[in-house]
Amino acid sequence: MFSVILMASIIFIISVVVMLLASILSKKSLIDREKSSPFECGFDPKSSSRLPFSLRFFLITIIFLIFDVEIALILPMIIIFKFSNMLIWTSTSIIFILILLIGLYHEWNQGMLNWST
């Protein structure tokens, strides 16, 4: 019984010491190097948050999301390949990929993928 109480008290003391050290070491200073540097997207954190942003970043994000969702939709098509009708599976896959290629061609035609302009 004494050894259980001793072990529990040692574990308690070690955990309290670790928590105190963590709270002391994690105190933030008033002038932090990260707070005074610009964000990753290029905005100055101390200026107004209502500044206009580049539309190119937004369009690239939309393109990324479209192709990210595309991958999430194509992967199950590969898994159900064995269990589905081959004609329906092929026609669905071709239509899906054609819609994506037409969208990519439209974005390319509109100049959304050109960064030099």
N, C-alpha and C. Protein backbone atom coordinates (compact mmCIF):
# COMPACT_ATOMS: atom_id res chain seq x y z
N MET A 1 0.81 -1.19 0.00
CA MET A 1 0.00 0.00 0.00
C MET A 1 0.86 1.26 0.00
N PHE A 2 1.92 1.23 0.81
CA PHE A 2 2.81 2.38 0.88
C PHE A 2 3.50 2.64 -0.46
N SER A 3 3.86 1.58 -1.18
CA SER A 3 4.54 1.75 -2.47
C SER A 3 3.61 2.36 -3.52
N VAL A 4 2.33 2.06 -3.46
CA VAL A 4 1.37 2.64 -4.39
C VAL A 4 1.22 4.13 -4.13
N ILE A 5 1.12 4.52 -2.86
CA ILE A 5 1.01 5.94 -2.51
C ILE A 5 2.28 6.69 -2.89
N LEU A 6 3.43 6.08 -2.65
CA LEU A 6 4.70 6.70 -3.01
C LEU A 6 4.80 6.89 -4.53
N MET A 7 4.42 5.86 -5.28
CA MET A 7 4.48 5.94 -6.75
C MET A 7 3.51 7.01 -7.27
N ALA A 8 2.30 7.07 -6.70
CA ALA A 8 1.31 8.06 -7.14
C ALA A 8 1.79 9.47 -6.83
N SER A 9 2.41 9.67 -5.66
CA SER A 9 2.90 11.01 -5.30
C SER A 9 4.08 11.41 -6.18
N ILE A 10 4.95 10.47 -6.52
CA ILE A 10 6.07 10.79 -7.42
C ILE A 10 5.55 11.18 -8.80
N ILE A 11 4.57 10.43 -9.30
CA ILE A 11 3.98 10.76 -10.61
C ILE A 11 3.31 12.12 -10.55
N PHE A 12 2.61 12.41 -9.46
CA PHE A 12 1.94 13.70 -9.31
C PHE A 12 2.96 14.84 -9.28
N ILE A 13 4.04 14.68 -8.53
CA ILE A 13 5.07 15.72 -8.44
C ILE A 13 5.73 15.95 -9.79
N ILE A 14 6.05 14.88 -10.50
CA ILE A 14 6.68 15.03 -11.82
C ILE A 14 5.74 15.74 -12.79
N SER A 15 4.46 15.39 -12.79
CA SER A 15 3.53 16.03 -13.71
C SER A 15 3.32 17.50 -13.37
N VAL A 16 3.29 17.86 -12.08
CA VAL A 16 3.15 19.26 -11.69
C VAL A 16 4.39 20.05 -12.10
N VAL A 17 5.57 19.48 -11.91
CA VAL A 17 6.81 20.16 -12.31
C VAL A 17 6.84 20.38 -13.82
N VAL A 18 6.44 19.38 -14.59
CA VAL A 18 6.44 19.52 -16.06
C VAL A 18 5.42 20.57 -16.49
N MET A 19 4.25 20.60 -15.88
CA MET A 19 3.25 21.62 -16.24
C MET A 19 3.72 23.02 -15.88
N LEU A 20 4.37 23.17 -14.73
CA LEU A 20 4.89 24.48 -14.35
C LEU A 20 5.98 24.93 -15.30
N LEU A 21 6.88 24.03 -15.65
CA LEU A 21 7.93 24.39 -16.62
C LEU A 21 7.34 24.77 -17.97
N ALA A 22 6.35 24.03 -18.41
CA ALA A 22 5.71 24.34 -19.69
C ALA A 22 5.03 25.70 -19.66
N SER A 23 4.36 26.03 -18.56
CA SER A 23 3.67 27.32 -18.50
C SER A 23 4.67 28.47 -18.39
N ILE A 24 5.77 28.26 -17.69
CA ILE A 24 6.78 29.32 -17.57
C ILE A 24 7.49 29.54 -18.90
N LEU A 25 7.84 28.48 -19.59
CA LEU A 25 8.57 28.61 -20.84
C LEU A 25 7.71 29.06 -22.01
N SER A 26 6.40 28.90 -21.90
CA SER A 26 5.54 29.27 -23.03
C SER A 26 4.97 30.67 -22.92
N LYS A 27 5.40 31.44 -21.95
CA LYS A 27 4.92 32.81 -21.82
C LYS A 27 5.36 33.62 -23.03
N LYS A 28 4.41 34.36 -23.58
CA LYS A 28 4.71 35.15 -24.77
C LYS A 28 5.21 36.53 -24.35
N SER A 29 6.15 37.02 -25.13
CA SER A 29 6.65 38.36 -24.87
C SER A 29 5.76 39.37 -25.60
N LEU A 30 5.85 40.62 -25.20
CA LEU A 30 5.02 41.65 -25.83
C LEU A 30 5.42 41.90 -27.27
N ILE A 31 6.70 41.89 -27.55
CA ILE A 31 7.19 42.08 -28.92
C ILE A 31 7.67 40.73 -29.42
N ASP A 32 6.88 40.16 -30.26
CA ASP A 32 7.19 38.83 -30.80
C ASP A 32 7.63 38.98 -32.24
N ARG A 33 8.65 38.25 -32.63
CA ARG A 33 9.17 38.34 -33.99
C ARG A 33 8.12 37.88 -35.01
N GLU A 34 7.33 36.87 -34.66
CA GLU A 34 6.31 36.37 -35.56
C GLU A 34 5.17 37.38 -35.74
N LYS A 35 4.85 38.12 -34.69
CA LYS A 35 3.77 39.09 -34.78
C LYS A 35 4.17 40.29 -35.63
N SER A 36 5.42 40.63 -35.64
CA SER A 36 5.85 41.80 -36.41
C SER A 36 6.19 41.45 -37.85
N SER A 37 6.21 40.19 -38.20
CA SER A 37 6.50 39.80 -39.60
C SER A 37 5.19 39.68 -40.37
N PRO A 38 5.23 39.84 -41.70
CA PRO A 38 4.01 39.70 -42.50
C PRO A 38 3.53 38.26 -42.52
N PHE A 39 2.24 38.12 -42.77
CA PHE A 39 1.68 36.78 -42.86
C PHE A 39 2.21 36.06 -44.08
N GLU A 40 1.90 34.77 -44.17
CA GLU A 40 2.36 33.97 -45.30
C GLU A 40 1.75 34.45 -46.62
N CYS A 41 0.55 35.00 -46.57
CA CYS A 41 -0.10 35.43 -47.80
C CYS A 41 0.36 36.80 -48.27
N GLY A 42 1.19 37.47 -47.51
CA GLY A 42 1.73 38.75 -47.94
C GLY A 42 1.06 39.95 -47.31
N PHE A 43 0.04 39.77 -46.48
CA PHE A 43 -0.61 40.90 -45.83
C PHE A 43 0.21 41.36 -44.63
N ASP A 44 0.18 42.65 -44.39
CA ASP A 44 0.80 43.20 -43.19
C ASP A 44 -0.18 43.06 -42.04
N PRO A 45 0.19 42.38 -40.95
CA PRO A 45 -0.78 42.13 -39.88
C PRO A 45 -1.23 43.37 -39.14
N LYS A 46 -0.49 44.45 -39.22
CA LYS A 46 -0.84 45.65 -38.47
C LYS A 46 -1.61 46.66 -39.30
N SER A 47 -1.82 46.38 -40.58
CA SER A 47 -2.57 47.31 -41.42
C SER A 47 -4.04 46.88 -41.46
N SER A 48 -4.81 47.58 -42.22
CA SER A 48 -6.24 47.29 -42.32
C SER A 48 -6.46 45.93 -42.98
N SER A 49 -7.45 45.22 -42.47
CA SER A 49 -7.72 43.89 -43.03
C SER A 49 -8.65 43.97 -44.24
N ARG A 50 -9.08 45.12 -44.61
CA ARG A 50 -10.00 45.30 -45.72
C ARG A 50 -9.30 45.70 -47.02
N LEU A 51 -8.02 45.43 -47.13
CA LEU A 51 -7.31 45.75 -48.35
C LEU A 51 -7.67 44.76 -49.44
N PRO A 52 -7.72 45.21 -50.70
CA PRO A 52 -8.03 44.26 -51.78
C PRO A 52 -6.89 43.27 -51.98
N PHE A 53 -7.23 42.08 -52.40
CA PHE A 53 -6.21 41.05 -52.63
C PHE A 53 -6.19 40.69 -54.10
N SER A 54 -5.14 40.00 -54.48
CA SER A 54 -4.98 39.63 -55.88
C SER A 54 -5.99 38.56 -56.26
N LEU A 55 -6.66 38.78 -57.37
CA LEU A 55 -7.65 37.82 -57.85
C LEU A 55 -6.99 36.54 -58.34
N ARG A 56 -5.72 36.61 -58.72
CA ARG A 56 -5.00 35.42 -59.19
C ARG A 56 -4.89 34.36 -58.09
N PHE A 57 -4.63 34.79 -56.86
CA PHE A 57 -4.56 33.83 -55.75
C PHE A 57 -5.91 33.13 -55.57
N PHE A 58 -6.98 33.88 -55.68
CA PHE A 58 -8.31 33.31 -55.54
C PHE A 58 -8.59 32.30 -56.65
N LEU A 59 -8.23 32.63 -57.89
CA LEU A 59 -8.50 31.73 -59.01
C LEU A 59 -7.67 30.44 -58.91
N ILE A 60 -6.43 30.56 -58.49
CA ILE A 60 -5.60 29.37 -58.32
C ILE A 60 -6.17 28.49 -57.21
N THR A 61 -6.71 29.11 -56.16
CA THR A 61 -7.33 28.34 -55.09
C THR A 61 -8.55 27.59 -55.59
N ILE A 62 -9.36 28.24 -56.41
CA ILE A 62 -10.54 27.59 -56.97
C ILE A 62 -10.14 26.43 -57.87
N ILE A 63 -9.10 26.62 -58.69
CA ILE A 63 -8.63 25.54 -59.56
C ILE A 63 -8.12 24.37 -58.72
N PHE A 64 -7.39 24.67 -57.66
CA PHE A 64 -6.91 23.61 -56.78
C PHE A 64 -8.07 22.84 -56.16
N LEU A 65 -9.08 23.56 -55.68
CA LEU A 65 -10.23 22.88 -55.08
C LEU A 65 -10.98 22.02 -56.08
N ILE A 66 -11.11 22.49 -57.30
CA ILE A 66 -11.80 21.70 -58.33
C ILE A 66 -11.05 20.40 -58.58
N PHE A 67 -9.74 20.47 -58.73
CA PHE A 67 -8.99 19.26 -59.02
C PHE A 67 -8.82 18.38 -57.78
N ASP A 68 -8.92 18.97 -56.60
CA ASP A 68 -8.90 18.18 -55.38
C ASP A 68 -10.19 17.36 -55.26
N VAL A 69 -11.31 17.98 -55.56
CA VAL A 69 -12.59 17.27 -55.54
C VAL A 69 -12.62 16.23 -56.65
N GLU A 70 -12.01 16.55 -57.77
CA GLU A 70 -11.95 15.59 -58.88
C GLU A 70 -11.26 14.31 -58.46
N ILE A 71 -10.16 14.40 -57.75
CA ILE A 71 -9.46 13.21 -57.28
C ILE A 71 -10.34 12.42 -56.33
N ALA A 72 -11.06 13.14 -55.46
CA ALA A 72 -11.95 12.45 -54.51
C ALA A 72 -13.09 11.75 -55.23
N LEU A 73 -13.47 12.20 -56.41
CA LEU A 73 -14.53 11.55 -57.17
C LEU A 73 -14.02 10.45 -58.09
N ILE A 74 -12.77 10.56 -58.55
CA ILE A 74 -12.22 9.54 -59.46
C ILE A 74 -11.80 8.29 -58.70
N LEU A 75 -11.26 8.43 -57.51
CA LEU A 75 -10.78 7.26 -56.77
C LEU A 75 -11.86 6.20 -56.52
N PRO A 76 -13.09 6.57 -56.12
CA PRO A 76 -14.10 5.52 -55.97
C PRO A 76 -14.49 4.87 -57.30
N MET A 77 -14.33 5.60 -58.39
CA MET A 77 -14.64 5.00 -59.70
C MET A 77 -13.69 3.85 -60.00
N ILE A 78 -12.47 3.95 -59.56
CA ILE A 78 -11.50 2.89 -59.77
C ILE A 78 -11.84 1.68 -58.90
N ILE A 79 -12.31 1.94 -57.70
CA ILE A 79 -12.63 0.84 -56.78
C ILE A 79 -13.85 0.05 -57.27
N ILE A 80 -14.87 0.74 -57.82
CA ILE A 80 -16.08 0.04 -58.25
C ILE A 80 -15.96 -0.50 -59.67
N PHE A 81 -14.79 -0.43 -60.25
CA PHE A 81 -14.57 -0.91 -61.62
C PHE A 81 -14.97 -2.37 -61.78
N LYS A 82 -14.65 -3.22 -60.81
CA LYS A 82 -14.92 -4.66 -60.90
C LYS A 82 -16.41 -4.98 -60.76
N PHE A 83 -17.14 -4.14 -60.02
CA PHE A 83 -18.51 -4.47 -59.66
C PHE A 83 -19.57 -3.82 -60.54
N SER A 84 -19.19 -2.98 -61.47
CA SER A 84 -20.18 -2.23 -62.24
C SER A 84 -20.22 -2.69 -63.69
N ASN A 85 -21.27 -2.24 -64.36
CA ASN A 85 -21.42 -2.51 -65.79
C ASN A 85 -20.35 -1.73 -66.55
N MET A 86 -19.66 -2.40 -67.43
CA MET A 86 -18.52 -1.78 -68.11
C MET A 86 -18.94 -0.60 -68.99
N LEU A 87 -20.08 -0.70 -69.68
CA LEU A 87 -20.54 0.37 -70.55
C LEU A 87 -20.91 1.62 -69.74
N ILE A 88 -21.63 1.44 -68.65
CA ILE A 88 -22.02 2.57 -67.81
C ILE A 88 -20.80 3.18 -67.14
N TRP A 89 -19.89 2.34 -66.66
CA TRP A 89 -18.68 2.85 -66.00
C TRP A 89 -17.83 3.66 -66.99
N THR A 90 -17.66 3.14 -68.20
CA THR A 90 -16.84 3.84 -69.20
C THR A 90 -17.49 5.16 -69.61
N SER A 91 -18.79 5.16 -69.86
CA SER A 91 -19.45 6.40 -70.28
C SER A 91 -19.42 7.44 -69.16
N THR A 92 -19.64 7.03 -67.93
CA THR A 92 -19.59 7.97 -66.81
C THR A 92 -18.18 8.56 -66.65
N SER A 93 -17.17 7.71 -66.76
CA SER A 93 -15.80 8.19 -66.62
C SER A 93 -15.42 9.15 -67.73
N ILE A 94 -15.82 8.83 -68.96
CA ILE A 94 -15.48 9.70 -70.09
C ILE A 94 -16.18 11.05 -69.96
N ILE A 95 -17.45 11.04 -69.59
CA ILE A 95 -18.19 12.30 -69.43
C ILE A 95 -17.57 13.15 -68.32
N PHE A 96 -17.22 12.52 -67.21
CA PHE A 96 -16.63 13.24 -66.08
C PHE A 96 -15.30 13.87 -66.48
N ILE A 97 -14.44 13.11 -67.14
CA ILE A 97 -13.13 13.64 -67.54
C ILE A 97 -13.27 14.70 -68.63
N LEU A 98 -14.24 14.54 -69.54
CA LEU A 98 -14.47 15.57 -70.56
C LEU A 98 -14.93 16.88 -69.94
N ILE A 99 -15.81 16.82 -68.95
CA ILE A 99 -16.24 18.05 -68.27
C ILE A 99 -15.05 18.75 -67.63
N LEU A 100 -14.17 17.99 -66.99
CA LEU A 100 -12.98 18.59 -66.38
C LEU A 100 -12.04 19.18 -67.42
N LEU A 101 -11.85 18.48 -68.53
CA LEU A 101 -10.96 19.00 -69.57
C LEU A 101 -11.54 20.24 -70.24
N ILE A 102 -12.85 20.26 -70.44
CA ILE A 102 -13.47 21.46 -71.01
C ILE A 102 -13.32 22.65 -70.05
N GLY A 103 -13.49 22.41 -68.76
CA GLY A 103 -13.29 23.48 -67.78
C GLY A 103 -11.85 23.98 -67.75
N LEU A 104 -10.90 23.04 -67.83
CA LEU A 104 -9.50 23.45 -67.86
C LEU A 104 -9.17 24.23 -69.13
N TYR A 105 -9.71 23.80 -70.26
CA TYR A 105 -9.49 24.53 -71.51
C TYR A 105 -10.09 25.94 -71.43
N HIS A 106 -11.28 26.06 -70.83
CA HIS A 106 -11.91 27.37 -70.68
C HIS A 106 -11.06 28.29 -69.79
N GLU A 107 -10.54 27.75 -68.69
CA GLU A 107 -9.68 28.55 -67.82
C GLU A 107 -8.41 28.96 -68.54
N TRP A 108 -7.86 28.08 -69.32
CA TRP A 108 -6.65 28.38 -70.09
C TRP A 108 -6.94 29.44 -71.14
N ASN A 109 -8.10 29.31 -71.80
CA ASN A 109 -8.49 30.26 -72.85
C ASN A 109 -8.74 31.65 -72.27
N GLN A 110 -9.29 31.73 -71.08
CA GLN A 110 -9.58 33.01 -70.45
C GLN A 110 -8.34 33.67 -69.84
N GLY A 111 -7.21 32.94 -69.82
CA GLY A 111 -5.97 33.50 -69.30
C GLY A 111 -5.83 33.40 -67.80
N MET A 112 -6.63 32.53 -67.17
CA MET A 112 -6.56 32.40 -65.72
C MET A 112 -5.29 31.69 -65.26
N LEU A 113 -4.65 30.96 -66.14
CA LEU A 113 -3.45 30.22 -65.77
C LEU A 113 -2.16 30.98 -66.11
N ASN A 114 -2.28 32.17 -66.70
CA ASN A 114 -1.10 32.96 -67.05
C ASN A 114 -0.75 33.90 -65.90
N TRP A 115 0.45 33.77 -65.38
CA TRP A 115 0.89 34.61 -64.28
C TRP A 115 1.62 35.85 -64.76
N SER A 116 2.04 35.88 -66.00
CA SER A 116 2.84 37.00 -66.48
C SER A 116 2.00 38.22 -66.81
N THR A 117 0.69 38.06 -66.98
CA THR A 117 -0.16 39.16 -67.36
C THR A 117 -0.62 39.95 -66.17
